[in-house]
Amino acid sequence: MIPNDPVMLLSFVNLKLRDYYKSLEALCDDLDVDQAELVSRLETIDYHYNAEQNRFV
């Protein structure tokens, strides 16, 4: 289960990307999360995925 709060979600996702996953797609596939929905939720707090850094910035 992923956090509902966008700020907590940001922390959760960036930690997972840093420690366990090589890409956002891999994270979403493994956790069975809709990638477009995840990106949209983090855009509400003005964070966007940076593939080169493999994190939301």
N, C-alpha and C. Protein backbone atom coordinates (compact mmCIF):
# COMPACT_ATOMS: atom_id res chain seq x y z
N MET A 1 0.85 -1.18 0.00
CA MET A 1 0.00 0.00 0.00
C MET A 1 0.89 1.24 0.00
N ILE A 2 0.57 2.18 -0.88
CA ILE A 2 1.35 3.41 -0.93
C ILE A 2 0.60 4.52 -0.19
N PRO A 3 1.33 5.50 0.32
CA PRO A 3 0.70 6.59 1.08
C PRO A 3 -0.27 7.41 0.22
N ASN A 4 -1.31 7.93 0.85
CA ASN A 4 -2.27 8.79 0.15
C ASN A 4 -1.84 10.24 0.13
N ASP A 5 -1.22 10.70 1.21
CA ASP A 5 -0.77 12.07 1.29
C ASP A 5 0.35 12.31 0.27
N PRO A 6 0.24 13.34 -0.58
CA PRO A 6 1.23 13.56 -1.64
C PRO A 6 2.67 13.74 -1.12
N VAL A 7 2.85 14.41 0.00
CA VAL A 7 4.19 14.62 0.53
C VAL A 7 4.78 13.30 1.04
N MET A 8 3.98 12.52 1.72
CA MET A 8 4.44 11.20 2.16
C MET A 8 4.69 10.29 0.96
N LEU A 9 3.86 10.40 -0.05
CA LEU A 9 4.02 9.62 -1.27
C LEU A 9 5.35 9.97 -1.94
N LEU A 10 5.66 11.24 -2.00
CA LEU A 10 6.93 11.69 -2.58
C LEU A 10 8.11 11.04 -1.87
N SER A 11 8.11 11.09 -0.57
CA SER A 11 9.19 10.50 0.22
C SER A 11 9.27 9.00 -0.02
N PHE A 12 8.14 8.34 0.01
CA PHE A 12 8.07 6.89 -0.19
C PHE A 12 8.62 6.50 -1.56
N VAL A 13 8.13 7.18 -2.60
CA VAL A 13 8.53 6.83 -3.97
C VAL A 13 10.01 7.12 -4.21
N ASN A 14 10.49 8.27 -3.78
CA ASN A 14 11.91 8.57 -3.99
C ASN A 14 12.81 7.61 -3.24
N LEU A 15 12.42 7.19 -2.05
CA LEU A 15 13.20 6.20 -1.32
C LEU A 15 13.24 4.88 -2.09
N LYS A 16 12.08 4.43 -2.56
CA LYS A 16 12.02 3.17 -3.31
C LYS A 16 12.84 3.26 -4.59
N LEU A 17 12.74 4.40 -5.29
CA LEU A 17 13.51 4.56 -6.52
C LEU A 17 15.00 4.56 -6.24
N ARG A 18 15.40 5.19 -5.17
CA ARG A 18 16.82 5.26 -4.83
C ARG A 18 17.36 3.89 -4.42
N ASP A 19 16.60 3.17 -3.62
CA ASP A 19 17.14 1.94 -3.02
C ASP A 19 16.80 0.64 -3.75
N TYR A 20 15.70 0.63 -4.52
CA TYR A 20 15.24 -0.66 -5.05
C TYR A 20 14.95 -0.73 -6.54
N TYR A 21 14.66 0.38 -7.19
CA TYR A 21 14.18 0.32 -8.57
C TYR A 21 15.02 1.19 -9.49
N LYS A 22 15.25 0.69 -10.70
CA LYS A 22 16.05 1.41 -11.69
C LYS A 22 15.23 2.42 -12.49
N SER A 23 13.90 2.33 -12.37
CA SER A 23 13.05 3.25 -13.12
C SER A 23 11.68 3.35 -12.46
N LEU A 24 10.97 4.39 -12.82
CA LEU A 24 9.60 4.57 -12.33
C LEU A 24 8.71 3.45 -12.85
N GLU A 25 8.93 3.06 -14.08
CA GLU A 25 8.13 1.97 -14.67
C GLU A 25 8.31 0.67 -13.88
N ALA A 26 9.54 0.37 -13.50
CA ALA A 26 9.81 -0.85 -12.73
C ALA A 26 9.11 -0.80 -11.37
N LEU A 27 9.15 0.36 -10.72
CA LEU A 27 8.48 0.52 -9.43
C LEU A 27 6.98 0.30 -9.58
N CYS A 28 6.39 0.94 -10.56
CA CYS A 28 4.94 0.84 -10.76
C CYS A 28 4.52 -0.58 -11.12
N ASP A 29 5.30 -1.24 -11.96
CA ASP A 29 4.99 -2.62 -12.32
C ASP A 29 5.05 -3.53 -11.10
N ASP A 30 6.09 -3.39 -10.30
CA ASP A 30 6.27 -4.26 -9.15
C ASP A 30 5.23 -4.00 -8.06
N LEU A 31 4.87 -2.74 -7.84
CA LEU A 31 3.91 -2.40 -6.80
C LEU A 31 2.47 -2.37 -7.31
N ASP A 32 2.29 -2.67 -8.59
CA ASP A 32 0.97 -2.67 -9.23
C ASP A 32 0.26 -1.32 -9.02
N VAL A 33 0.97 -0.25 -9.39
CA VAL A 33 0.48 1.11 -9.26
C VAL A 33 0.33 1.71 -10.65
N ASP A 34 -0.74 2.45 -10.88
CA ASP A 34 -0.94 3.13 -12.15
C ASP A 34 0.06 4.29 -12.23
N GLN A 35 0.98 4.21 -13.20
CA GLN A 35 2.03 5.21 -13.31
C GLN A 35 1.48 6.61 -13.58
N ALA A 36 0.51 6.73 -14.46
CA ALA A 36 -0.06 8.04 -14.79
C ALA A 36 -0.72 8.66 -13.56
N GLU A 37 -1.39 7.86 -12.76
CA GLU A 37 -2.03 8.37 -11.54
C GLU A 37 -0.99 8.82 -10.53
N LEU A 38 0.06 8.03 -10.37
CA LEU A 38 1.13 8.39 -9.45
C LEU A 38 1.78 9.71 -9.85
N VAL A 39 2.12 9.83 -11.11
CA VAL A 39 2.72 11.07 -11.62
C VAL A 39 1.78 12.24 -11.41
N SER A 40 0.52 12.04 -11.70
CA SER A 40 -0.48 13.10 -11.52
C SER A 40 -0.58 13.55 -10.07
N ARG A 41 -0.58 12.60 -9.16
CA ARG A 41 -0.68 12.94 -7.72
C ARG A 41 0.52 13.76 -7.27
N LEU A 42 1.72 13.43 -7.77
CA LEU A 42 2.90 14.18 -7.37
C LEU A 42 3.00 15.53 -8.08
N GLU A 43 2.38 15.63 -9.23
CA GLU A 43 2.34 16.93 -9.91
C GLU A 43 1.49 17.94 -9.13
N THR A 44 0.58 17.46 -8.29
CA THR A 44 -0.25 18.38 -7.50
C THR A 44 0.59 19.15 -6.49
N ILE A 45 1.77 18.62 -6.14
CA ILE A 45 2.67 19.35 -5.26
C ILE A 45 3.92 19.81 -6.02
N ASP A 46 3.78 19.90 -7.35
CA ASP A 46 4.80 20.44 -8.25
C ASP A 46 6.09 19.62 -8.28
N TYR A 47 5.97 18.30 -8.26
CA TYR A 47 7.11 17.40 -8.42
C TYR A 47 6.92 16.60 -9.70
N HIS A 48 8.01 16.44 -10.43
CA HIS A 48 7.97 15.78 -11.73
C HIS A 48 9.11 14.75 -11.78
N TYR A 49 8.85 13.64 -12.45
CA TYR A 49 9.84 12.58 -12.54
C TYR A 49 10.98 12.98 -13.46
N ASN A 50 12.20 12.80 -12.99
CA ASN A 50 13.40 13.04 -13.77
C ASN A 50 14.06 11.68 -13.99
N ALA A 51 14.01 11.18 -15.23
CA ALA A 51 14.52 9.84 -15.53
C ALA A 51 16.03 9.76 -15.34
N GLU A 52 16.75 10.83 -15.64
CA GLU A 52 18.22 10.80 -15.49
C GLU A 52 18.61 10.64 -14.03
N GLN A 53 17.89 11.28 -13.14
CA GLN A 53 18.17 11.17 -11.70
C GLN A 53 17.39 10.04 -11.05
N ASN A 54 16.41 9.49 -11.76
CA ASN A 54 15.52 8.45 -11.27
C ASN A 54 14.88 8.85 -9.95
N ARG A 55 14.30 10.04 -9.96
CA ARG A 55 13.58 10.53 -8.78
C ARG A 55 12.68 11.69 -9.17
N PHE A 56 11.77 11.99 -8.28
CA PHE A 56 10.89 13.15 -8.47
C PHE A 56 11.60 14.37 -7.91
N VAL A 57 11.65 15.41 -8.72
CA VAL A 57 12.30 16.67 -8.30
C VAL A 57 11.37 17.84 -8.51
